[in-house]
């Protein structure tokens, strides 16, 4: 007679708290994240309104009070995130961990440096969580594909940027020799600035070659710029095409906080930690 399968152990309070705060597959988790996003949006709106002179002069006290209320809420949330995980320092050093900390620091720094509370707009970075909160698989899946493509192409893009830097130095030096100080190309760095602006097809117009030789060189750089722009796009596109897409969930690893695991995954694809801790 087959033995009965033992029931899965109930998670302790820290694990339940982690699931609510870090994941959005449960009703409570999604409600928490939606509430967090709304609060972030309101806090950013308050910061923007405070930068309007008329509104600031009339509602200064209300806006400052709202700022400290939001800061207090985010500080509590940050503390709960650290409490709910087994490796708080690892989260604190992660991208969202740093962003979460920076979203509350400006309020306290403003006590010493007036005006620094405007840096609270960094809270806008926290809205990136919207892709996790409303993650039908396609949202999180495509985000993971893009991240994987960027990682896979970083070496190729690095070589491309290195080659481009050398080209900028050469073109800038040539333009400095051809045009000289009389037409505004007063130094090689100044000419390199012109080369970057021209290669990227921005064309501010603050520096314009006046000689025939300079205009010929500028024409060549302009035509080359179109090909240069296409290269990194092609590199990343090729990596995206080669990426593999599969059904994923928002389950997060309690050790490294990586997301985007397939529904049947038992262990983290990044660090190997169990996704179903006792």
C-alpha atoms as a PDB file:
ATOM      1  CA  UNK A   1       0.000   0.000   0.000  1.00  0.00           C
ATOM      2  CA  UNK A   2       1.444   3.316  -1.090  1.00  0.00           C
ATOM      3  CA  UNK A   3       2.326   5.652   1.709  1.00  0.00           C
ATOM      4  CA  UNK A   4       0.387   8.870   1.940  1.00  0.00           C
ATOM      5  CA  UNK A   5       2.159  12.012   0.818  1.00  0.00           C
ATOM      6  CA  UNK A   6       2.824  14.217   3.865  1.00  0.00           C
ATOM      7  CA  UNK A   7       1.204  17.649   3.726  1.00  0.00           C
ATOM      8  CA  UNK A   8       3.437  20.586   2.845  1.00  0.00           C
ATOM      9  CA  UNK A   9       4.581  22.417   5.964  1.00  0.00           C
ATOM     10  CA  UNK A  10       2.968  25.765   6.619  1.00  0.00           C
ATOM     11  CA  UNK A  11       5.404  28.639   6.107  1.00  0.00           C
ATOM     12  CA  UNK A  12       6.380  30.608   9.194  1.00  0.00           C
ATOM     13  CA  UNK A  13       5.473  34.261   9.615  1.00  0.00           C
ATOM     14  CA  UNK A  14       8.669  35.523   7.993  1.00  0.00           C
ATOM     15  CA  UNK A  15       8.094  33.385   4.925  1.00  0.00           C
ATOM     16  CA  UNK A  16       4.460  34.515   4.679  1.00  0.00           C
ATOM     17  CA  UNK A  17       5.592  38.120   4.992  1.00  0.00           C
ATOM     18  CA  UNK A  18       8.238  37.583   2.291  1.00  0.00           C
ATOM     19  CA  UNK A  19       5.690  36.093  -0.094  1.00  0.00           C
ATOM     20  CA  UNK A  20       3.394  39.084   0.392  1.00  0.00           C
ATOM     21  CA  UNK A  21       6.137  41.704   0.008  1.00  0.00           C
ATOM     22  CA  UNK A  22       8.348  40.165  -2.668  1.00  0.00           C
ATOM     23  CA  UNK A  23       5.859  38.225  -4.790  1.00  0.00           C
ATOM     24  CA  UNK A  24       2.597  39.054  -6.524  1.00  0.00           C
ATOM     25  CA  UNK A  25       1.082  35.652  -7.262  1.00  0.00           C
ATOM     26  CA  UNK A  26      -1.175  35.818  -4.200  1.00  0.00           C
ATOM     27  CA  UNK A  27      -4.071  38.209  -3.649  1.00  0.00           C
ATOM     28  CA  UNK A  28      -2.365  39.743  -0.611  1.00  0.00           C
ATOM     29  CA  UNK A  29       0.908  40.131  -2.485  1.00  0.00           C
ATOM     30  CA  UNK A  30      -0.704  41.842  -5.448  1.00  0.00           C
ATOM     31  CA  UNK A  31      -2.772  44.103  -3.178  1.00  0.00           C
ATOM     32  CA  UNK A  32       0.387  45.097  -1.293  1.00  0.00           C
ATOM     33  CA  UNK A  33       2.264  45.938  -4.491  1.00  0.00           C
ATOM     34  CA  UNK A  34      -0.635  47.858  -6.028  1.00  0.00           C
ATOM     35  CA  UNK A  35      -0.972  49.883  -2.839  1.00  0.00           C
ATOM     36  CA  UNK A  36       2.775  50.488  -2.863  1.00  0.00           C
ATOM     37  CA  UNK A  37       2.712  51.711  -6.471  1.00  0.00           C
ATOM     38  CA  UNK A  38      -0.158  54.106  -5.716  1.00  0.00           C
ATOM     39  CA  UNK A  39       1.729  55.465  -2.702  1.00  0.00           C
ATOM     40  CA  UNK A  40       4.881  55.920  -4.763  1.00  0.00           C
ATOM     41  CA  UNK A  41       2.933  57.793  -7.425  1.00  0.00           C
ATOM     42  CA  UNK A  42       1.361  60.107  -4.838  1.00  0.00           C
ATOM     43  CA  UNK A  43       4.736  60.782  -3.217  1.00  0.00           C
ATOM     44  CA  UNK A  44       6.275  61.712  -6.586  1.00  0.00           C
ATOM     45  CA  UNK A  45       3.317  63.992  -7.295  1.00  0.00           C
ATOM     46  CA  UNK A  46       3.869  65.736  -3.954  1.00  0.00           C
ATOM     47  CA  UNK A  47       7.549  66.310  -4.766  1.00  0.00           C
ATOM     48  CA  UNK A  48       6.676  67.761  -8.184  1.00  0.00           C
ATOM     49  CA  UNK A  49       3.996  70.036  -6.732  1.00  0.00           C
ATOM     50  CA  UNK A  50       6.454  71.354  -4.171  1.00  0.00           C
ATOM     51  CA  UNK A  51       8.678  72.566  -7.008  1.00  0.00           C
ATOM     52  CA  UNK A  52       5.902  74.880  -8.281  1.00  0.00           C
ATOM     53  CA  UNK A  53       6.427  78.255  -6.534  1.00  0.00           C
ATOM     54  CA  UNK A  54       2.736  79.213  -6.245  1.00  0.00           C
ATOM     55  CA  UNK A  55       1.663  75.848  -4.870  1.00  0.00           C
ATOM     56  CA  UNK A  56       4.661  75.673  -2.536  1.00  0.00           C
ATOM     57  CA  UNK A  57       3.970  79.095  -1.008  1.00  0.00           C
ATOM     58  CA  UNK A  58       0.305  78.269  -0.397  1.00  0.00           C
ATOM     59  CA  UNK A  59       0.547  74.619   0.695  1.00  0.00           C
ATOM     60  CA  UNK A  60       4.110  74.342   1.998  1.00  0.00           C
ATOM     61  CA  UNK A  61       3.155  72.846   5.368  1.00  0.00           C
ATOM     62  CA  UNK A  62       0.794  70.294   3.833  1.00  0.00           C
ATOM     63  CA  UNK A  63       3.340  69.172   1.255  1.00  0.00           C
ATOM     64  CA  UNK A  64       6.094  68.844   3.847  1.00  0.00           C
ATOM     65  CA  UNK A  65       3.810  66.833   6.114  1.00  0.00           C
ATOM     66  CA  UNK A  66       2.869  64.561   3.206  1.00  0.00           C
ATOM     67  CA  UNK A  67       6.555  64.087   2.393  1.00  0.00           C
ATOM     68  CA  UNK A  68       7.328  62.885   5.915  1.00  0.00           C
ATOM     69  CA  UNK A  69       4.279  60.621   5.972  1.00  0.00           C
ATOM     70  CA  UNK A  70       5.396  58.969   2.733  1.00  0.00           C
ATOM     71  CA  UNK A  71       8.961  58.739   4.016  1.00  0.00           C
ATOM     72  CA  UNK A  72       7.745  57.043   7.196  1.00  0.00           C
ATOM     73  CA  UNK A  73       5.680  54.524   5.222  1.00  0.00           C
ATOM     74  CA  UNK A  74       8.578  53.700   2.920  1.00  0.00           C
ATOM     75  CA  UNK A  75      10.940  53.367   5.886  1.00  0.00           C
ATOM     76  CA  UNK A  76       8.581  50.861   7.510  1.00  0.00           C
ATOM     77  CA  UNK A  77       8.272  48.970   4.223  1.00  0.00           C
ATOM     78  CA  UNK A  78      12.068  48.892   3.832  1.00  0.00           C
ATOM     79  CA  UNK A  79      12.419  47.519   7.349  1.00  0.00           C
ATOM     80  CA  UNK A  80       9.811  44.825   6.686  1.00  0.00           C
ATOM     81  CA  UNK A  81      11.671  43.772   3.554  1.00  0.00           C
ATOM     82  CA  UNK A  82      14.870  43.310   5.530  1.00  0.00           C
ATOM     83  CA  UNK A  83      13.097  41.447   8.343  1.00  0.00           C
ATOM     84  CA  UNK A  84      11.277  39.038   6.054  1.00  0.00           C
ATOM     85  CA  UNK A  85      14.354  37.589   4.327  1.00  0.00           C
ATOM     86  CA  UNK A  86      17.200  35.434   5.545  1.00  0.00           C
ATOM     87  CA  UNK A  87      19.935  37.516   3.903  1.00  0.00           C
ATOM     88  CA  UNK A  88      19.023  41.186   4.417  1.00  0.00           C
ATOM     89  CA  UNK A  89      22.452  42.534   3.474  1.00  0.00           C
ATOM     90  CA  UNK A  90      22.252  40.848   0.108  1.00  0.00           C
ATOM     91  CA  UNK A  91      18.948  42.553  -0.602  1.00  0.00           C
ATOM     92  CA  UNK A  92      20.282  45.881   0.680  1.00  0.00           C
ATOM     93  CA  UNK A  93      23.068  45.681  -1.932  1.00  0.00           C
ATOM     94  CA  UNK A  94      20.729  44.705  -4.767  1.00  0.00           C
ATOM     95  CA  UNK A  95      19.384  47.210  -7.299  1.00  0.00           C
ATOM     96  CA  UNK A  96      15.945  47.561  -5.724  1.00  0.00           C
ATOM     97  CA  UNK A  97      17.458  47.481  -2.245  1.00  0.00           C
ATOM     98  CA  UNK A  98      19.625  50.500  -3.039  1.00  0.00           C
ATOM     99  CA  UNK A  99      16.706  52.281  -4.724  1.00  0.00           C
ATOM    100  CA  UNK A 100      14.472  51.617  -1.706  1.00  0.00           C
ATOM    101  CA  UNK A 101      17.085  53.108   0.618  1.00  0.00           C
ATOM    102  CA  UNK A 102      17.707  56.131  -1.602  1.00  0.00           C
ATOM    103  CA  UNK A 103      13.974  56.793  -1.716  1.00  0.00           C
ATOM    104  CA  UNK A 104      13.917  57.645   1.987  1.00  0.00           C
ATOM    105  CA  UNK A 105      17.347  59.210   2.572  1.00  0.00           C
ATOM    106  CA  UNK A 106      16.733  62.625   0.888  1.00  0.00           C
ATOM    107  CA  UNK A 107      14.103  63.550   3.475  1.00  0.00           C
ATOM    108  CA  UNK A 108      16.620  63.117   6.282  1.00  0.00           C
ATOM    109  CA  UNK A 109      19.452  64.741   4.315  1.00  0.00           C
ATOM    110  CA  UNK A 110      17.203  67.778   3.703  1.00  0.00           C
ATOM    111  CA  UNK A 111      17.415  68.514   7.441  1.00  0.00           C
ATOM    112  CA  UNK A 112      21.098  69.312   6.853  1.00  0.00           C
ATOM    113  CA  UNK A 113      21.046  70.347   3.166  1.00  0.00           C
ATOM    114  CA  UNK A 114      17.897  72.346   2.319  1.00  0.00           C
ATOM    115  CA  UNK A 115      16.433  71.539  -1.087  1.00  0.00           C
ATOM    116  CA  UNK A 116      17.856  68.028  -1.305  1.00  0.00           C
ATOM    117  CA  UNK A 117      14.356  66.590  -0.845  1.00  0.00           C
ATOM    118  CA  UNK A 118      13.868  67.161  -4.571  1.00  0.00           C
ATOM    119  CA  UNK A 119      15.986  64.051  -5.050  1.00  0.00           C
ATOM    120  CA  UNK A 120      12.993  62.105  -3.764  1.00  0.00           C
ATOM    121  CA  UNK A 121      11.968  61.783  -7.417  1.00  0.00           C
ATOM    122  CA  UNK A 122      14.319  58.800  -7.419  1.00  0.00           C
ATOM    123  CA  UNK A 123      11.259  57.008  -6.065  1.00  0.00           C
ATOM    124  CA  UNK A 124      10.128  56.883  -9.693  1.00  0.00           C
ATOM    125  CA  UNK A 125      12.581  54.012 -10.154  1.00  0.00           C
ATOM    126  CA  UNK A 126      10.474  51.997  -7.734  1.00  0.00           C
ATOM    127  CA  UNK A 127       7.658  52.097 -10.273  1.00  0.00           C
ATOM    128  CA  UNK A 128       9.658  49.550 -12.263  1.00  0.00           C
ATOM    129  CA  UNK A 129       7.957  47.044  -9.993  1.00  0.00           C
ATOM    130  CA  UNK A 130       4.835  47.533 -12.070  1.00  0.00           C
ATOM    131  CA  UNK A 131       6.183  44.957 -14.533  1.00  0.00           C
ATOM    132  CA  UNK A 132       6.273  42.421 -11.713  1.00  0.00           C
ATOM    133  CA  UNK A 133       2.963  43.361 -10.160  1.00  0.00           C
ATOM    134  CA  UNK A 134       0.929  43.181 -13.350  1.00  0.00           C
ATOM    135  CA  UNK A 135       3.014  40.472 -14.787  1.00  0.00           C
ATOM    136  CA  UNK A 136       1.048  38.360 -17.004  1.00  0.00           C
ATOM    137  CA  UNK A 137       3.744  35.991 -18.108  1.00  0.00           C
ATOM    138  CA  UNK A 138       4.444  37.961 -21.247  1.00  0.00           C
ATOM    139  CA  UNK A 139       5.478  41.101 -19.334  1.00  0.00           C
ATOM    140  CA  UNK A 140       7.996  39.437 -17.055  1.00  0.00           C
ATOM    141  CA  UNK A 141       9.037  36.997 -19.766  1.00  0.00           C
ATOM    142  CA  UNK A 142       9.868  39.705 -22.270  1.00  0.00           C
ATOM    143  CA  UNK A 143      11.686  41.686 -19.600  1.00  0.00           C
ATOM    144  CA  UNK A 144      13.826  38.634 -18.821  1.00  0.00           C
ATOM    145  CA  UNK A 145      14.513  38.114 -22.519  1.00  0.00           C
ATOM    146  CA  UNK A 146      15.667  41.721 -22.861  1.00  0.00           C
ATOM    147  CA  UNK A 147      17.905  41.460 -19.790  1.00  0.00           C
ATOM    148  CA  UNK A 148      19.404  38.190 -21.037  1.00  0.00           C
ATOM    149  CA  UNK A 149      20.020  39.724 -24.457  1.00  0.00           C
ATOM    150  CA  UNK A 150      21.781  42.736 -22.927  1.00  0.00           C
ATOM    151  CA  UNK A 151      23.967  40.493 -20.786  1.00  0.00           C
ATOM    152  CA  UNK A 152      24.845  38.232 -23.711  1.00  0.00           C
ATOM    153  CA  UNK A 153      25.751  41.175 -25.941  1.00  0.00           C
ATOM    154  CA  UNK A 154      27.726  43.205 -23.382  1.00  0.00           C
ATOM    155  CA  UNK A 155      31.125  42.004 -24.616  1.00  0.00           C
ATOM    156  CA  UNK A 156      30.308  42.745 -28.250  1.00  0.00           C
ATOM    157  CA  UNK A 157      28.935  46.158 -27.348  1.00  0.00           C
ATOM    158  CA  UNK A 158      32.058  46.793 -25.260  1.00  0.00           C
ATOM    159  CA  UNK A 159      34.259  46.102 -28.281  1.00  0.00           C
ATOM    160  CA  UNK A 160      32.025  48.322 -30.395  1.00  0.00           C
ATOM    161  CA  UNK A 161      32.245  51.213 -27.904  1.00  0.00           C
ATOM    162  CA  UNK A 162      36.008  50.825 -27.694  1.00  0.00           C
ATOM    163  CA  UNK A 163      36.331  50.979 -31.476  1.00  0.00           C
ATOM    164  CA  UNK A 164      33.975  53.943 -31.594  1.00  0.00           C
ATOM    165  CA  UNK A 165      36.058  55.794 -28.993  1.00  0.00           C
ATOM    166  CA  UNK A 166      39.172  55.333 -31.095  1.00  0.00           C
ATOM    167  CA  UNK A 167      37.303  56.588 -34.164  1.00  0.00           C
ATOM    168  CA  UNK A 168      36.133  59.670 -32.239  1.00  0.00           C
ATOM    169  CA  UNK A 169      39.709  60.486 -31.245  1.00  0.00           C
ATOM    170  CA  UNK A 170      40.932  60.126 -34.854  1.00  0.00           C
ATOM    171  CA  UNK A 171      38.105  62.187 -36.367  1.00  0.00           C
ATOM    172  CA  UNK A 172      38.405  64.839 -33.667  1.00  0.00           C
ATOM    173  CA  UNK A 173      42.139  65.156 -34.244  1.00  0.00           C
ATOM    174  CA  UNK A 174      41.695  65.410 -38.017  1.00  0.00           C
ATOM    175  CA  UNK A 175      39.039  68.094 -37.666  1.00  0.00           C
ATOM    176  CA  UNK A 176      41.237  70.050 -35.249  1.00  0.00           C
ATOM    177  CA  UNK A 177      44.094  69.979 -37.779  1.00  0.00           C
ATOM    178  CA  UNK A 178      41.868  70.872 -40.718  1.00  0.00           C
ATOM    179  CA  UNK A 179      39.733  73.612 -39.165  1.00  0.00           C
ATOM    180  CA  UNK A 180      41.874  75.031 -36.380  1.00  0.00           C
ATOM    181  CA  UNK A 181      41.016  77.584 -33.721  1.00  0.00           C
ATOM    182  CA  UNK A 182      39.645  80.219 -36.123  1.00  0.00           C
ATOM    183  CA  UNK A 183      36.436  78.251 -36.751  1.00  0.00           C
ATOM    184  CA  UNK A 184      35.851  77.241 -33.137  1.00  0.00           C
ATOM    185  CA  UNK A 185      37.738  73.936 -33.030  1.00  0.00           C
ATOM    186  CA  UNK A 186      40.033  75.219 -30.296  1.00  0.00           C
ATOM    187  CA  UNK A 187      41.318  71.845 -29.057  1.00  0.00           C
ATOM    188  CA  UNK A 188      41.228  68.128 -29.749  1.00  0.00           C
ATOM    189  CA  UNK A 189      38.712  67.463 -26.919  1.00  0.00           C
ATOM    190  CA  UNK A 190      36.465  70.195 -28.362  1.00  0.00           C
ATOM    191  CA  UNK A 191      36.740  68.584 -31.785  1.00  0.00           C
ATOM    192  CA  UNK A 192      36.012  65.167 -30.272  1.00  0.00           C
ATOM    193  CA  UNK A 193      32.808  66.624 -28.831  1.00  0.00           C
ATOM    194  CA  UNK A 194      31.861  67.737 -32.372  1.00  0.00           C
ATOM    195  CA  UNK A 195      32.662  64.242 -33.675  1.00  0.00           C
ATOM    196  CA  UNK A 196      30.365  62.599 -31.108  1.00  0.00           C
ATOM    197  CA  UNK A 197      27.518  65.031 -31.827  1.00  0.00           C
ATOM    198  CA  UNK A 198      27.891  64.472 -35.565  1.00  0.00           C
ATOM    199  CA  UNK A 199      28.292  60.687 -35.453  1.00  0.00           C
ATOM    200  CA  UNK A 200      25.147  60.307 -33.377  1.00  0.00           C
ATOM    201  CA  UNK A 201      23.282  62.536 -35.894  1.00  0.00           C
ATOM    202  CA  UNK A 202      22.325  64.952 -33.103  1.00  0.00           C
ATOM    203  CA  UNK A 203      23.857  68.003 -34.777  1.00  0.00           C
ATOM    204  CA  UNK A 204      23.541  70.853 -32.263  1.00  0.00           C
ATOM    205  CA  UNK A 205      25.082  73.303 -34.714  1.00  0.00           C
ATOM    206  CA  UNK A 206      27.295  75.038 -32.145  1.00  0.00           C
ATOM    207  CA  UNK A 207      30.396  73.920 -34.063  1.00  0.00           C
ATOM    208  CA  UNK A 208      30.322  73.993 -37.869  1.00  0.00           C
ATOM    209  CA  UNK A 209      33.250  73.278 -40.214  1.00  0.00           C
ATOM    210  CA  UNK A 210      33.970  76.194 -42.549  1.00  0.00           C
ATOM    211  CA  UNK A 211      36.690  74.848 -44.842  1.00  0.00           C
ATOM    212  CA  UNK A 212      36.154  72.524 -47.791  1.00  0.00           C
ATOM    213  CA  UNK A 213      38.282  69.823 -46.177  1.00  0.00           C
ATOM    214  CA  UNK A 214      36.319  70.068 -42.941  1.00  0.00           C
ATOM    215  CA  UNK A 215      32.995  69.857 -44.763  1.00  0.00           C
ATOM    216  CA  UNK A 216      34.121  66.775 -46.677  1.00  0.00           C
ATOM    217  CA  UNK A 217      35.211  65.095 -43.437  1.00  0.00           C
ATOM    218  CA  UNK A 218      31.934  66.100 -41.796  1.00  0.00           C
ATOM    219  CA  UNK A 219      29.957  64.552 -44.665  1.00  0.00           C
ATOM    220  CA  UNK A 220      31.846  61.279 -44.275  1.00  0.00           C
ATOM    221  CA  UNK A 221      31.238  61.275 -40.517  1.00  0.00           C
ATOM    222  CA  UNK A 222      27.511  61.926 -41.009  1.00  0.00           C
ATOM    223  CA  UNK A 223      27.141  59.012 -43.422  1.00  0.00           C
ATOM    224  CA  UNK A 224      29.145  56.773 -41.097  1.00  0.00           C
ATOM    225  CA  UNK A 225      26.896  57.753 -38.199  1.00  0.00           C
ATOM    226  CA  UNK A 226      23.900  55.947 -39.662  1.00  0.00           C
ATOM    227  CA  UNK A 227      25.832  52.681 -39.845  1.00  0.00           C
ATOM    228  CA  UNK A 228      27.214  53.179 -36.337  1.00  0.00           C
ATOM    229  CA  UNK A 229      23.734  53.575 -34.846  1.00  0.00           C
ATOM    230  CA  UNK A 230      22.577  50.332 -36.468  1.00  0.00           C
ATOM    231  CA  UNK A 231      25.409  48.184 -35.095  1.00  0.00           C
ATOM    232  CA  UNK A 232      24.428  47.953 -31.385  1.00  0.00           C
ATOM    233  CA  UNK A 233      20.786  47.585 -32.393  1.00  0.00           C
ATOM    234  CA  UNK A 234      21.684  44.617 -34.570  1.00  0.00           C
ATOM    235  CA  UNK A 235      23.799  43.033 -31.832  1.00  0.00           C
ATOM    236  CA  UNK A 236      21.029  43.181 -29.228  1.00  0.00           C
ATOM    237  CA  UNK A 237      18.369  42.111 -31.740  1.00  0.00           C
ATOM    238  CA  UNK A 238      20.374  39.006 -32.650  1.00  0.00           C
ATOM    239  CA  UNK A 239      20.620  38.053 -28.986  1.00  0.00           C
ATOM    240  CA  UNK A 240      16.891  38.611 -28.453  1.00  0.00           C
ATOM    241  CA  UNK A 241      16.073  36.324 -31.360  1.00  0.00           C
ATOM    242  CA  UNK A 242      18.262  33.597 -29.892  1.00  0.00           C
ATOM    243  CA  UNK A 243      16.717  33.900 -26.416  1.00  0.00           C
ATOM    244  CA  UNK A 244      14.389  31.148 -25.290  1.00  0.00           C
ATOM    245  CA  UNK A 245      11.003  32.096 -23.925  1.00  0.00           C
ATOM    246  CA  UNK A 246       8.926  29.880 -21.623  1.00  0.00           C
ATOM    247  CA  UNK A 247       6.032  30.189 -19.166  1.00  0.00           C
ATOM    248  CA  UNK A 248       7.164  31.880 -15.957  1.00  0.00           C
ATOM    249  CA  UNK A 249       5.765  33.092 -12.653  1.00  0.00           C
ATOM    250  CA  UNK A 250       6.599  35.835 -10.191  1.00  0.00           C
ATOM    251  CA  UNK A 251       7.996  33.476  -7.548  1.00  0.00           C
ATOM    252  CA  UNK A 252      11.122  35.031  -6.098  1.00  0.00           C
ATOM    253  CA  UNK A 253      14.134  33.388  -4.521  1.00  0.00           C
ATOM    254  CA  UNK A 254      14.470  34.103  -0.803  1.00  0.00           C
ATOM    255  CA  UNK A 255      18.262  34.128  -1.111  1.00  0.00           C
ATOM    256  CA  UNK A 256      19.090  36.163  -4.226  1.00  0.00           C
ATOM    257  CA  UNK A 257      15.622  37.664  -4.996  1.00  0.00           C
ATOM    258  CA  UNK A 258      15.772  36.518  -8.615  1.00  0.00           C
ATOM    259  CA  UNK A 259      12.388  36.247 -10.336  1.00  0.00           C
ATOM    260  CA  UNK A 260      11.025  34.694 -13.514  1.00  0.00           C
ATOM    261  CA  UNK A 261      11.067  30.988 -12.616  1.00  0.00           C
ATOM    262  CA  UNK A 262       9.048  28.411 -14.529  1.00  0.00           C
ATOM    263  CA  UNK A 263       5.970  27.084 -12.690  1.00  0.00           C
ATOM    264  CA  UNK A 264       7.547  23.671 -12.022  1.00  0.00           C
ATOM    265  CA  UNK A 265      10.888  25.009 -10.754  1.00  0.00           C
ATOM    266  CA  UNK A 266      12.027  23.640  -7.384  1.00  0.00           C
ATOM    267  CA  UNK A 267      15.291  25.569  -7.152  1.00  0.00           C
ATOM    268  CA  UNK A 268      16.425  29.064  -8.092  1.00  0.00           C
ATOM    269  CA  UNK A 269      17.853  29.241 -11.596  1.00  0.00           C
ATOM    270  CA  UNK A 270      20.407  31.797 -10.414  1.00  0.00           C
ATOM    271  CA  UNK A 271      21.789  30.564  -7.073  1.00  0.00           C
ATOM    272  CA  UNK A 272      20.264  27.092  -6.618  1.00  0.00           C
ATOM    273  CA  UNK A 273      18.365  27.945  -3.417  1.00  0.00           C
ATOM    274  CA  UNK A 274      15.152  26.004  -2.815  1.00  0.00           C
ATOM    275  CA  UNK A 275      12.041  27.861  -3.940  1.00  0.00           C
ATOM    276  CA  UNK A 276       9.918  25.982  -1.425  1.00  0.00           C
ATOM    277  CA  UNK A 277      11.605  26.544   1.941  1.00  0.00           C
ATOM    278  CA  UNK A 278      10.182  24.705   4.918  1.00  0.00           C
END
